[in-house]
Amino acid sequence: MNFLQLCQRLRQEVGGTGSGPSTVLNQSGESRLYVDWINQAWKEIQSDRLEWRFMWSQGSVTLQAGTQIHALPADLKSLDGESLLLDGSRIGLLDYSVFRNNYRTSHSGKPTECTILPNGQLKTNTVPDQAYTLSFDYWAKPVSLSENADVPTLPEEYHMLIVYKAMQYYAGYENAGEVYQDGRIRYEEMLPDVELTQLPAMTLPGAIA
């Protein structure tokens, strides 16, 4: 479902009047609330877990020669430290406090380690002596839906999870206990399936000798 269809489905599930909203743009009154609740639900679901598969992405940045600090993609929330490759070779990612202690001074050369600064920028342990390409996997920040045709990155079969979450917002606003219970129960029934397919597989520890 797209953003508009999600809002229309929310109205249907809570027994709202009419057949709208007809658009998510420039709405007011009850229709505006449907739009806001769907968006709030979608952003909260995105924020519920750190490593949702539907928020995984890949990116790259060019490390310019002579520059030790580099900007990362604006939508980056969490970097997969095991995935960093510098022109095809592995490069280490250190916690900032460790990096700071290890690299009080720097020299020119090909970087071998890097860190994420408190301001979200990337710093290499050397000043690049030429341009290098750093590629990586990452998880994106939560995003809002804005246009009628916007589709959540959550797989289609789980789109009702957004509606069930939004139903609980509606119920709190309208003091509708039955709607809240319905939304909460259906949300909790679907959530384990989403977690099973959209979170990394758990790795069990090996047997103790």
N, C-alpha and C. Protein backbone atom coordinates (compact mmCIF):
# COMPACT_ATOMS: atom_id res chain seq x y z
N MET A 1 0.84 -1.20 0.00
CA MET A 1 0.00 0.00 0.00
C MET A 1 0.88 1.25 0.00
N ASN A 2 0.41 2.27 -0.67
CA ASN A 2 1.11 3.55 -0.61
C ASN A 2 0.57 4.39 0.54
N PHE A 3 1.13 5.57 0.71
CA PHE A 3 0.77 6.43 1.85
C PHE A 3 -0.72 6.71 1.88
N LEU A 4 -1.28 7.09 0.74
CA LEU A 4 -2.71 7.40 0.69
C LEU A 4 -3.55 6.18 1.03
N GLN A 5 -3.21 5.04 0.49
CA GLN A 5 -3.98 3.82 0.76
C GLN A 5 -3.90 3.42 2.23
N LEU A 6 -2.76 3.64 2.85
CA LEU A 6 -2.63 3.36 4.28
C LEU A 6 -3.56 4.25 5.10
N CYS A 7 -3.63 5.53 4.73
CA CYS A 7 -4.53 6.46 5.45
C CYS A 7 -5.99 6.05 5.25
N GLN A 8 -6.34 5.65 4.06
CA GLN A 8 -7.70 5.22 3.78
C GLN A 8 -8.03 3.94 4.53
N ARG A 9 -7.06 3.04 4.62
CA ARG A 9 -7.29 1.79 5.36
C ARG A 9 -7.44 2.06 6.85
N LEU A 10 -6.70 3.03 7.37
CA LEU A 10 -6.85 3.40 8.78
C LEU A 10 -8.26 3.90 9.04
N ARG A 11 -8.75 4.79 8.18
CA ARG A 11 -10.12 5.29 8.35
C ARG A 11 -11.11 4.14 8.34
N GLN A 12 -10.91 3.19 7.44
CA GLN A 12 -11.81 2.04 7.34
C GLN A 12 -11.76 1.20 8.61
N GLU A 13 -10.57 0.93 9.12
CA GLU A 13 -10.42 0.06 10.28
C GLU A 13 -11.03 0.66 11.54
N VAL A 14 -10.98 1.98 11.68
CA VAL A 14 -11.51 2.61 12.89
C VAL A 14 -12.98 3.03 12.73
N GLY A 15 -13.54 2.78 11.54
CA GLY A 15 -14.94 3.11 11.32
C GLY A 15 -15.19 4.59 11.14
N GLY A 16 -14.22 5.30 10.55
CA GLY A 16 -14.38 6.73 10.32
C GLY A 16 -15.42 7.02 9.25
N THR A 17 -15.90 8.23 9.23
CA THR A 17 -16.93 8.62 8.28
C THR A 17 -16.33 8.87 6.90
N GLY A 18 -17.18 8.76 5.87
CA GLY A 18 -16.77 9.08 4.51
C GLY A 18 -15.92 7.99 3.89
N SER A 19 -15.23 8.35 2.81
CA SER A 19 -14.43 7.38 2.06
C SER A 19 -12.99 7.85 1.90
N GLY A 20 -12.65 8.97 2.48
CA GLY A 20 -11.32 9.55 2.29
C GLY A 20 -10.30 9.01 3.25
N PRO A 21 -9.21 9.75 3.37
CA PRO A 21 -8.92 10.99 2.64
C PRO A 21 -8.65 10.74 1.15
N SER A 22 -8.89 11.76 0.34
CA SER A 22 -8.68 11.66 -1.10
C SER A 22 -7.25 11.97 -1.48
N THR A 23 -6.52 12.60 -0.57
CA THR A 23 -5.10 12.91 -0.76
C THR A 23 -4.47 13.11 0.61
N VAL A 24 -3.15 12.97 0.68
CA VAL A 24 -2.45 13.21 1.94
C VAL A 24 -1.99 14.65 2.04
N LEU A 25 -2.16 15.42 0.98
CA LEU A 25 -1.64 16.77 0.91
C LEU A 25 -2.65 17.80 1.41
N ASN A 26 -2.17 18.73 2.20
CA ASN A 26 -2.97 19.90 2.62
C ASN A 26 -4.30 19.52 3.24
N GLN A 27 -4.31 18.52 4.07
CA GLN A 27 -5.53 18.08 4.71
C GLN A 27 -5.76 18.84 6.03
N SER A 28 -6.98 18.77 6.52
CA SER A 28 -7.33 19.37 7.80
C SER A 28 -8.33 18.47 8.49
N GLY A 29 -8.60 18.75 9.75
CA GLY A 29 -9.60 18.00 10.49
C GLY A 29 -9.25 16.54 10.64
N GLU A 30 -10.26 15.68 10.52
CA GLU A 30 -10.09 14.25 10.73
C GLU A 30 -9.12 13.63 9.73
N SER A 31 -9.20 14.06 8.47
CA SER A 31 -8.31 13.51 7.45
C SER A 31 -6.86 13.83 7.76
N ARG A 32 -6.59 15.01 8.28
CA ARG A 32 -5.23 15.38 8.66
C ARG A 32 -4.71 14.47 9.77
N LEU A 33 -5.57 14.09 10.68
CA LEU A 33 -5.18 13.20 11.76
C LEU A 33 -4.81 11.82 11.23
N TYR A 34 -5.58 11.31 10.26
CA TYR A 34 -5.24 10.01 9.67
C TYR A 34 -3.84 10.07 9.04
N VAL A 35 -3.58 11.14 8.33
CA VAL A 35 -2.27 11.31 7.69
C VAL A 35 -1.16 11.35 8.74
N ASP A 36 -1.36 12.13 9.78
CA ASP A 36 -0.34 12.27 10.82
C ASP A 36 -0.12 10.97 11.58
N TRP A 37 -1.20 10.24 11.87
CA TRP A 37 -1.08 8.99 12.63
C TRP A 37 -0.35 7.92 11.84
N ILE A 38 -0.61 7.82 10.55
CA ILE A 38 0.10 6.85 9.72
C ILE A 38 1.58 7.19 9.68
N ASN A 39 1.90 8.46 9.50
CA ASN A 39 3.31 8.86 9.46
C ASN A 39 3.99 8.61 10.79
N GLN A 40 3.31 8.92 11.88
CA GLN A 40 3.88 8.70 13.20
C GLN A 40 4.13 7.21 13.43
N ALA A 41 3.18 6.38 13.03
CA ALA A 41 3.32 4.94 13.20
C ALA A 41 4.49 4.40 12.39
N TRP A 42 4.62 4.87 11.16
CA TRP A 42 5.71 4.39 10.30
C TRP A 42 7.07 4.80 10.86
N LYS A 43 7.20 6.02 11.34
CA LYS A 43 8.48 6.46 11.89
C LYS A 43 8.80 5.72 13.18
N GLU A 44 7.80 5.42 13.99
CA GLU A 44 8.06 4.71 15.23
C GLU A 44 8.49 3.27 14.96
N ILE A 45 7.86 2.62 13.99
CA ILE A 45 8.26 1.25 13.64
C ILE A 45 9.70 1.23 13.15
N GLN A 46 10.07 2.19 12.33
CA GLN A 46 11.45 2.26 11.84
C GLN A 46 12.45 2.41 13.00
N SER A 47 12.03 3.13 14.04
CA SER A 47 12.93 3.42 15.16
C SER A 47 12.96 2.30 16.19
N ASP A 48 12.02 1.34 16.10
CA ASP A 48 11.90 0.32 17.13
C ASP A 48 13.10 -0.61 17.22
N ARG A 49 13.77 -0.85 16.10
CA ARG A 49 14.91 -1.76 16.08
C ARG A 49 16.07 -1.09 15.35
N LEU A 50 17.29 -1.44 15.69
CA LEU A 50 18.46 -0.81 15.09
C LEU A 50 18.75 -1.37 13.70
N GLU A 51 18.52 -2.67 13.50
CA GLU A 51 19.00 -3.31 12.28
C GLU A 51 17.88 -3.96 11.46
N TRP A 52 16.80 -3.23 11.23
CA TRP A 52 15.77 -3.73 10.34
C TRP A 52 16.36 -3.95 8.94
N ARG A 53 16.08 -5.08 8.34
CA ARG A 53 16.59 -5.33 7.00
C ARG A 53 16.01 -4.36 5.97
N PHE A 54 14.78 -3.93 6.20
CA PHE A 54 14.17 -3.03 5.22
C PHE A 54 14.74 -1.61 5.31
N MET A 55 15.64 -1.38 6.27
CA MET A 55 16.31 -0.09 6.36
C MET A 55 17.80 -0.19 6.03
N TRP A 56 18.21 -1.35 5.55
CA TRP A 56 19.61 -1.57 5.17
C TRP A 56 19.89 -0.93 3.82
N SER A 57 21.08 -0.41 3.68
CA SER A 57 21.46 0.23 2.42
C SER A 57 22.97 0.09 2.23
N GLN A 58 23.44 0.49 1.07
CA GLN A 58 24.86 0.50 0.78
C GLN A 58 25.25 1.89 0.30
N GLY A 59 26.47 2.29 0.62
CA GLY A 59 26.92 3.62 0.22
C GLY A 59 28.41 3.66 0.01
N SER A 60 28.87 4.79 -0.46
CA SER A 60 30.30 5.00 -0.64
C SER A 60 30.59 6.48 -0.57
N VAL A 61 31.79 6.80 -0.16
CA VAL A 61 32.25 8.19 -0.15
C VAL A 61 33.66 8.22 -0.73
N THR A 62 34.00 9.32 -1.34
CA THR A 62 35.35 9.51 -1.85
C THR A 62 36.17 10.23 -0.79
N LEU A 63 37.27 9.60 -0.38
CA LEU A 63 38.19 10.22 0.56
C LEU A 63 39.17 11.07 -0.25
N GLN A 64 39.00 12.35 -0.17
CA GLN A 64 39.83 13.26 -0.96
C GLN A 64 41.24 13.37 -0.38
N ALA A 65 42.21 13.48 -1.26
CA ALA A 65 43.59 13.63 -0.83
C ALA A 65 43.74 14.90 0.00
N GLY A 66 44.49 14.80 1.10
CA GLY A 66 44.76 15.95 1.94
C GLY A 66 43.67 16.30 2.93
N THR A 67 42.61 15.50 2.99
CA THR A 67 41.49 15.78 3.90
C THR A 67 41.25 14.58 4.79
N GLN A 68 41.34 14.77 6.10
CA GLN A 68 41.23 13.66 7.04
C GLN A 68 39.80 13.44 7.53
N ILE A 69 38.93 14.43 7.39
CA ILE A 69 37.55 14.34 7.85
C ILE A 69 36.62 14.38 6.65
N HIS A 70 35.65 13.47 6.63
CA HIS A 70 34.81 13.29 5.45
C HIS A 70 33.34 13.15 5.86
N ALA A 71 32.44 13.66 5.02
CA ALA A 71 31.00 13.57 5.27
C ALA A 71 30.49 12.19 4.86
N LEU A 72 29.56 11.66 5.64
CA LEU A 72 28.88 10.41 5.34
C LEU A 72 27.48 10.70 4.78
N PRO A 73 26.80 9.71 4.19
CA PRO A 73 25.46 9.96 3.67
C PRO A 73 24.54 10.58 4.72
N ALA A 74 23.72 11.53 4.31
CA ALA A 74 22.87 12.26 5.25
C ALA A 74 21.86 11.35 5.94
N ASP A 75 21.49 10.23 5.30
CA ASP A 75 20.48 9.36 5.89
C ASP A 75 21.08 8.23 6.72
N LEU A 76 22.39 8.24 6.93
CA LEU A 76 23.04 7.16 7.68
C LEU A 76 22.73 7.27 9.17
N LYS A 77 22.25 6.17 9.73
CA LYS A 77 22.00 6.10 11.17
C LYS A 77 23.06 5.25 11.87
N SER A 78 23.38 4.10 11.29
CA SER A 78 24.33 3.17 11.91
C SER A 78 25.17 2.50 10.83
N LEU A 79 26.47 2.49 11.02
CA LEU A 79 27.40 1.93 10.04
C LEU A 79 27.76 0.51 10.43
N ASP A 80 27.81 -0.40 9.45
CA ASP A 80 28.26 -1.77 9.69
C ASP A 80 29.78 -1.78 9.61
N GLY A 81 30.41 -1.84 10.76
CA GLY A 81 31.86 -1.74 10.80
C GLY A 81 32.58 -2.88 10.13
N GLU A 82 31.92 -4.03 9.96
CA GLU A 82 32.55 -5.17 9.32
C GLU A 82 32.55 -5.07 7.80
N SER A 83 31.86 -4.09 7.26
CA SER A 83 31.67 -4.02 5.81
C SER A 83 32.58 -3.03 5.11
N LEU A 84 33.36 -2.26 5.86
CA LEU A 84 34.14 -1.17 5.25
C LEU A 84 35.25 -1.70 4.35
N LEU A 85 35.28 -1.18 3.12
CA LEU A 85 36.32 -1.51 2.16
C LEU A 85 36.88 -0.22 1.58
N LEU A 86 38.18 -0.11 1.57
CA LEU A 86 38.84 1.05 0.99
C LEU A 86 39.52 0.59 -0.30
N ASP A 87 38.94 0.98 -1.42
CA ASP A 87 39.40 0.49 -2.72
C ASP A 87 39.53 -1.03 -2.72
N GLY A 88 38.57 -1.70 -2.11
CA GLY A 88 38.53 -3.15 -2.10
C GLY A 88 39.26 -3.83 -0.95
N SER A 89 39.96 -3.08 -0.12
CA SER A 89 40.69 -3.66 1.02
C SER A 89 40.00 -3.30 2.33
N ARG A 90 40.03 -4.22 3.29
CA ARG A 90 39.38 -3.99 4.56
C ARG A 90 40.04 -2.82 5.31
N ILE A 91 39.22 -2.04 5.97
CA ILE A 91 39.68 -0.94 6.82
C ILE A 91 38.93 -1.03 8.13
N GLY A 92 39.62 -0.83 9.23
CA GLY A 92 39.02 -0.99 10.54
C GLY A 92 38.21 0.23 10.97
N LEU A 93 37.16 -0.02 11.75
CA LEU A 93 36.34 1.04 12.34
C LEU A 93 36.50 0.97 13.85
N LEU A 94 37.04 2.03 14.45
CA LEU A 94 37.27 2.07 15.89
C LEU A 94 36.27 2.98 16.58
N ASP A 95 35.98 2.64 17.83
CA ASP A 95 35.22 3.55 18.67
C ASP A 95 36.01 4.85 18.81
N TYR A 96 35.29 5.98 18.87
CA TYR A 96 35.96 7.27 18.87
C TYR A 96 36.98 7.42 20.00
N SER A 97 36.63 6.95 21.20
CA SER A 97 37.56 7.11 22.33
C SER A 97 38.84 6.32 22.11
N VAL A 98 38.74 5.14 21.52
CA VAL A 98 39.93 4.33 21.22
C VAL A 98 40.74 5.00 20.12
N PHE A 99 40.05 5.44 19.07
CA PHE A 99 40.73 6.11 17.95
C PHE A 99 41.47 7.35 18.44
N ARG A 100 40.83 8.14 19.27
CA ARG A 100 41.43 9.38 19.78
C ARG A 100 42.71 9.09 20.56
N ASN A 101 42.69 8.03 21.34
CA ASN A 101 43.88 7.68 22.12
C ASN A 101 44.99 7.11 21.24
N ASN A 102 44.61 6.38 20.20
CA ASN A 102 45.60 5.73 19.35
C ASN A 102 46.24 6.69 18.34
N TYR A 103 45.50 7.71 17.95
CA TYR A 103 45.98 8.57 16.87
C TYR A 103 45.95 10.04 17.29
N ARG A 104 46.86 10.37 18.19
CA ARG A 104 47.00 11.76 18.63
C ARG A 104 47.61 12.62 17.53
N THR A 105 48.44 12.01 16.70
CA THR A 105 49.03 12.70 15.56
C THR A 105 48.74 11.88 14.32
N SER A 106 48.90 12.47 13.16
CA SER A 106 48.62 11.76 11.92
C SER A 106 49.69 12.07 10.89
N HIS A 107 49.75 11.23 9.88
CA HIS A 107 50.69 11.42 8.79
C HIS A 107 49.98 11.13 7.48
N SER A 108 50.64 11.38 6.39
CA SER A 108 50.04 11.16 5.07
C SER A 108 50.24 9.71 4.65
N GLY A 109 49.21 9.16 3.98
CA GLY A 109 49.30 7.78 3.50
C GLY A 109 47.92 7.18 3.30
N LYS A 110 47.88 5.92 2.95
CA LYS A 110 46.61 5.22 2.77
C LYS A 110 46.02 4.88 4.12
N PRO A 111 44.79 5.30 4.43
CA PRO A 111 44.19 5.01 5.73
C PRO A 111 44.03 3.50 5.95
N THR A 112 44.18 3.10 7.19
CA THR A 112 43.97 1.70 7.57
C THR A 112 42.88 1.56 8.63
N GLU A 113 42.56 2.67 9.31
CA GLU A 113 41.49 2.66 10.31
C GLU A 113 40.76 4.00 10.27
N CYS A 114 39.55 3.99 10.81
CA CYS A 114 38.75 5.21 10.82
C CYS A 114 37.81 5.18 12.02
N THR A 115 37.12 6.28 12.24
CA THR A 115 36.15 6.37 13.33
C THR A 115 35.03 7.30 12.91
N ILE A 116 33.91 7.21 13.63
CA ILE A 116 32.82 8.17 13.46
C ILE A 116 32.92 9.19 14.59
N LEU A 117 33.11 10.45 14.22
CA LEU A 117 33.22 11.50 15.22
C LEU A 117 31.88 11.77 15.89
N PRO A 118 31.87 12.38 17.07
CA PRO A 118 30.60 12.69 17.73
C PRO A 118 29.64 13.51 16.87
N ASN A 119 30.16 14.27 15.91
CA ASN A 119 29.27 15.06 15.04
C ASN A 119 28.79 14.30 13.81
N GLY A 120 29.12 12.99 13.75
CA GLY A 120 28.62 12.15 12.65
C GLY A 120 29.51 12.09 11.43
N GLN A 121 30.62 12.79 11.43
CA GLN A 121 31.54 12.73 10.30
C GLN A 121 32.55 11.61 10.50
N LEU A 122 33.17 11.20 9.40
CA LEU A 122 34.16 10.12 9.43
C LEU A 122 35.56 10.71 9.42
N LYS A 123 36.43 10.17 10.26
CA LYS A 123 37.82 10.61 10.31
C LYS A 123 38.73 9.42 10.10
N THR A 124 39.73 9.56 9.25
CA THR A 124 40.69 8.51 8.98
C THR A 124 41.94 8.69 9.83
N ASN A 125 42.66 7.60 10.02
CA ASN A 125 43.85 7.67 10.88
C ASN A 125 45.04 8.30 10.18
N THR A 126 44.97 8.44 8.86
CA THR A 126 46.01 9.16 8.13
C THR A 126 45.34 10.21 7.24
N VAL A 127 46.14 11.13 6.77
CA VAL A 127 45.67 12.08 5.77
C VAL A 127 45.85 11.41 4.41
N PRO A 128 44.77 11.10 3.68
CA PRO A 128 44.92 10.37 2.42
C PRO A 128 45.91 11.05 1.48
N ASP A 129 46.80 10.23 0.92
CA ASP A 129 47.80 10.75 0.01
C ASP A 129 47.30 10.83 -1.43
N GLN A 130 46.10 10.28 -1.65
CA GLN A 130 45.42 10.35 -2.94
C GLN A 130 43.95 10.09 -2.69
N ALA A 131 43.13 10.18 -3.72
CA ALA A 131 41.70 9.90 -3.56
C ALA A 131 41.48 8.39 -3.45
N TYR A 132 40.67 8.00 -2.47
CA TYR A 132 40.29 6.60 -2.27
C TYR A 132 38.76 6.53 -2.19
N THR A 133 38.22 5.36 -2.53
CA THR A 133 36.78 5.14 -2.41
C THR A 133 36.51 4.21 -1.23
N LEU A 134 35.74 4.71 -0.28
CA LEU A 134 35.34 3.91 0.88
C LEU A 134 33.90 3.46 0.67
N SER A 135 33.69 2.16 0.64
CA SER A 135 32.34 1.61 0.48
C SER A 135 31.93 0.88 1.76
N PHE A 136 30.62 0.80 2.00
CA PHE A 136 30.15 0.25 3.26
C PHE A 136 28.65 -0.06 3.19
N ASP A 137 28.22 -0.88 4.14
CA ASP A 137 26.80 -1.13 4.37
C ASP A 137 26.36 -0.29 5.57
N TYR A 138 25.10 0.12 5.57
CA TYR A 138 24.61 0.90 6.70
C TYR A 138 23.10 0.78 6.83
N TRP A 139 22.61 1.20 7.99
CA TRP A 139 21.17 1.28 8.22
C TRP A 139 20.76 2.75 8.21
N ALA A 140 19.67 3.02 7.52
CA ALA A 140 19.24 4.39 7.30
C ALA A 140 18.41 4.93 8.46
N LYS A 141 18.36 6.24 8.55
CA LYS A 141 17.53 6.92 9.54
C LYS A 141 16.04 6.76 9.16
N PRO A 142 15.15 6.85 10.15
CA PRO A 142 13.72 6.85 9.84
C PRO A 142 13.37 8.01 8.93
N VAL A 143 12.45 7.75 8.00
CA VAL A 143 12.01 8.78 7.07
C VAL A 143 10.49 8.90 7.15
N SER A 144 10.00 10.07 6.78
CA SER A 144 8.56 10.31 6.73
C SER A 144 8.02 9.99 5.35
N LEU A 145 6.75 9.69 5.28
CA LEU A 145 6.04 9.61 4.02
C LEU A 145 5.47 11.00 3.74
N SER A 146 5.48 11.42 2.48
CA SER A 146 5.02 12.78 2.19
C SER A 146 4.07 12.88 1.00
N GLU A 147 4.22 12.00 0.02
CA GLU A 147 3.38 12.06 -1.18
C GLU A 147 2.40 10.90 -1.21
N ASN A 148 1.31 11.07 -1.95
CA ASN A 148 0.30 10.02 -2.04
C ASN A 148 0.89 8.67 -2.42
N ALA A 149 1.82 8.66 -3.38
CA ALA A 149 2.35 7.42 -3.92
C ALA A 149 3.56 6.88 -3.17
N ASP A 150 4.00 7.55 -2.10
CA ASP A 150 5.14 7.06 -1.32
C ASP A 150 4.79 5.70 -0.71
N VAL A 151 5.72 4.75 -0.84
CA VAL A 151 5.50 3.40 -0.33
C VAL A 151 6.55 3.09 0.74
N PRO A 152 6.14 2.64 1.91
CA PRO A 152 7.11 2.28 2.95
C PRO A 152 8.04 1.16 2.47
N THR A 153 9.28 1.18 2.94
CA THR A 153 10.22 0.12 2.58
C THR A 153 9.92 -1.19 3.29
N LEU A 154 9.08 -1.16 4.29
CA LEU A 154 8.62 -2.39 4.93
C LEU A 154 7.94 -3.27 3.87
N PRO A 155 8.25 -4.57 3.82
CA PRO A 155 7.62 -5.42 2.81
C PRO A 155 6.10 -5.31 2.81
N GLU A 156 5.53 -5.40 1.63
CA GLU A 156 4.09 -5.19 1.43
C GLU A 156 3.23 -6.02 2.36
N GLU A 157 3.62 -7.27 2.61
CA GLU A 157 2.78 -8.15 3.42
C GLU A 157 2.69 -7.69 4.87
N TYR A 158 3.54 -6.75 5.27
CA TYR A 158 3.51 -6.26 6.65
C TYR A 158 3.02 -4.81 6.77
N HIS A 159 2.49 -4.26 5.70
CA HIS A 159 2.05 -2.87 5.75
C HIS A 159 0.94 -2.63 6.77
N MET A 160 0.14 -3.65 7.04
CA MET A 160 -0.92 -3.47 8.03
C MET A 160 -0.35 -3.22 9.43
N LEU A 161 0.91 -3.57 9.67
CA LEU A 161 1.52 -3.26 10.97
C LEU A 161 1.48 -1.76 11.22
N ILE A 162 1.67 -0.97 10.18
CA ILE A 162 1.62 0.49 10.30
C ILE A 162 0.20 0.92 10.67
N VAL A 163 -0.78 0.32 10.03
CA VAL A 163 -2.18 0.65 10.31
C VAL A 163 -2.53 0.27 11.75
N TYR A 164 -2.12 -0.91 12.19
CA TYR A 164 -2.44 -1.35 13.55
C TYR A 164 -1.82 -0.42 14.59
N LYS A 165 -0.59 0.05 14.33
CA LYS A 165 0.03 1.00 15.24
C LYS A 165 -0.74 2.32 15.25
N ALA A 166 -1.13 2.79 14.07
CA ALA A 166 -1.87 4.04 13.96
C ALA A 166 -3.24 3.95 14.62
N MET A 167 -3.83 2.77 14.60
CA MET A 167 -5.13 2.59 15.27
C MET A 167 -5.02 2.90 16.76
N GLN A 168 -3.89 2.59 17.35
CA GLN A 168 -3.71 2.85 18.77
C GLN A 168 -3.61 4.35 19.05
N TYR A 169 -3.01 5.11 18.13
CA TYR A 169 -2.97 6.56 18.27
C TYR A 169 -4.39 7.13 18.16
N TYR A 170 -5.13 6.63 17.19
CA TYR A 170 -6.53 7.07 17.02
C TYR A 170 -7.31 6.81 18.29
N ALA A 171 -7.15 5.60 18.84
CA ALA A 171 -7.92 5.22 20.01
C ALA A 171 -7.59 6.09 21.21
N GLY A 172 -6.31 6.46 21.36
CA GLY A 172 -5.94 7.34 22.45
C GLY A 172 -6.57 8.71 22.30
N TYR A 173 -6.67 9.19 21.08
CA TYR A 173 -7.25 10.51 20.81
C TYR A 173 -8.76 10.49 21.02
N GLU A 174 -9.40 9.42 20.59
CA GLU A 174 -10.86 9.32 20.66
C GLU A 174 -11.35 8.61 21.92
N ASN A 175 -10.41 8.16 22.76
CA ASN A 175 -10.77 7.40 23.95
C ASN A 175 -11.62 6.18 23.56
N ALA A 176 -11.15 5.46 22.54
CA ALA A 176 -11.87 4.31 22.00
C ALA A 176 -11.16 3.03 22.43
N GLY A 177 -11.56 2.50 23.57
CA GLY A 177 -10.89 1.35 24.15
C GLY A 177 -10.91 0.12 23.27
N GLU A 178 -12.02 -0.16 22.62
CA GLU A 178 -12.12 -1.36 21.78
C GLU A 178 -11.19 -1.26 20.57
N VAL A 179 -11.11 -0.07 19.99
CA VAL A 179 -10.22 0.12 18.84
C VAL A 179 -8.76 -0.06 19.29
N TYR A 180 -8.45 0.46 20.46
CA TYR A 180 -7.08 0.32 20.96
C TYR A 180 -6.72 -1.14 21.16
N GLN A 181 -7.62 -1.90 21.78
CA GLN A 181 -7.36 -3.31 22.02
C GLN A 181 -7.21 -4.06 20.70
N ASP A 182 -8.07 -3.76 19.75
CA ASP A 182 -8.01 -4.42 18.45
C ASP A 182 -6.67 -4.12 17.77
N GLY A 183 -6.28 -2.85 17.74
CA GLY A 183 -5.03 -2.48 17.11
C GLY A 183 -3.83 -3.09 17.81
N ARG A 184 -3.82 -3.07 19.13
CA ARG A 184 -2.68 -3.60 19.88
C ARG A 184 -2.55 -5.11 19.68
N ILE A 185 -3.65 -5.84 19.77
CA ILE A 185 -3.60 -7.29 19.63
C ILE A 185 -3.12 -7.69 18.24
N ARG A 186 -3.66 -7.05 17.21
CA ARG A 186 -3.27 -7.39 15.84
C ARG A 186 -1.83 -6.98 15.56
N TYR A 187 -1.39 -5.88 16.15
CA TYR A 187 0.00 -5.44 16.01
C TYR A 187 0.93 -6.49 16.64
N GLU A 188 0.61 -6.92 17.84
CA GLU A 188 1.46 -7.87 18.54
C GLU A 188 1.44 -9.24 17.88
N GLU A 189 0.37 -9.58 17.19
CA GLU A 189 0.32 -10.84 16.46
C GLU A 189 1.22 -10.82 15.23
N MET A 190 1.29 -9.68 14.55
CA MET A 190 2.09 -9.59 13.33
C MET A 190 3.56 -9.31 13.61
N LEU A 191 3.86 -8.61 14.68
CA LEU A 191 5.23 -8.17 14.94
C LEU A 191 6.24 -9.31 14.96
N PRO A 192 5.97 -10.46 15.59
CA PRO A 192 6.97 -11.54 15.58
C PRO A 192 7.35 -12.00 14.18
N ASP A 193 6.40 -12.03 13.26
CA ASP A 193 6.71 -12.42 11.88
C ASP A 193 7.63 -11.40 11.23
N VAL A 194 7.38 -10.11 11.50
CA VAL A 194 8.24 -9.06 10.96
C VAL A 194 9.65 -9.19 11.53
N GLU A 195 9.75 -9.41 12.82
CA GLU A 195 11.06 -9.56 13.45
C GLU A 195 11.80 -10.78 12.92
N LEU A 196 11.07 -11.87 12.67
CA LEU A 196 11.69 -13.09 12.18
C LEU A 196 12.32 -12.90 10.81
N THR A 197 11.64 -12.16 9.94
CA THR A 197 12.12 -12.00 8.57
C THR A 197 12.95 -10.75 8.36
N GLN A 198 12.85 -9.76 9.25
CA GLN A 198 13.47 -8.46 9.00
C GLN A 198 14.57 -8.10 9.98
N LEU A 199 14.95 -9.01 10.87
CA LEU A 199 16.08 -8.79 11.76
C LEU A 199 17.15 -9.83 11.47
N PRO A 200 18.43 -9.51 11.73
CA PRO A 200 19.49 -10.49 11.51
C PRO A 200 19.25 -11.76 12.31
N ALA A 201 19.62 -12.89 11.73
CA ALA A 201 19.47 -14.16 12.42
C ALA A 201 20.33 -14.17 13.67
N MET A 202 19.79 -14.74 14.75
CA MET A 202 20.55 -14.84 15.99
C MET A 202 21.62 -15.93 15.85
N THR A 203 22.81 -15.64 16.34
CA THR A 203 23.91 -16.62 16.33
C THR A 203 24.07 -17.19 17.73
N LEU A 204 23.84 -18.49 17.85
CA LEU A 204 23.94 -19.12 19.15
C LEU A 204 25.39 -19.43 19.48
N PRO A 205 25.78 -19.29 20.75
CA PRO A 205 27.16 -19.60 21.11
C PRO A 205 27.47 -21.07 20.92
N GLY A 206 28.72 -21.37 20.64
CA GLY A 206 29.12 -22.76 20.46
C GLY A 206 29.12 -23.53 21.77
N ALA A 207 29.17 -24.82 21.63
CA ALA A 207 29.16 -25.68 22.83
C ALA A 207 30.45 -25.49 23.63
N ILE A 208 30.32 -25.58 24.91
CA ILE A 208 31.49 -25.46 25.81
C ILE A 208 32.15 -26.82 25.89
N ALA A 209 33.44 -26.87 25.63
CA ALA A 209 34.18 -28.14 25.65
C ALA A 209 34.30 -28.65 27.07
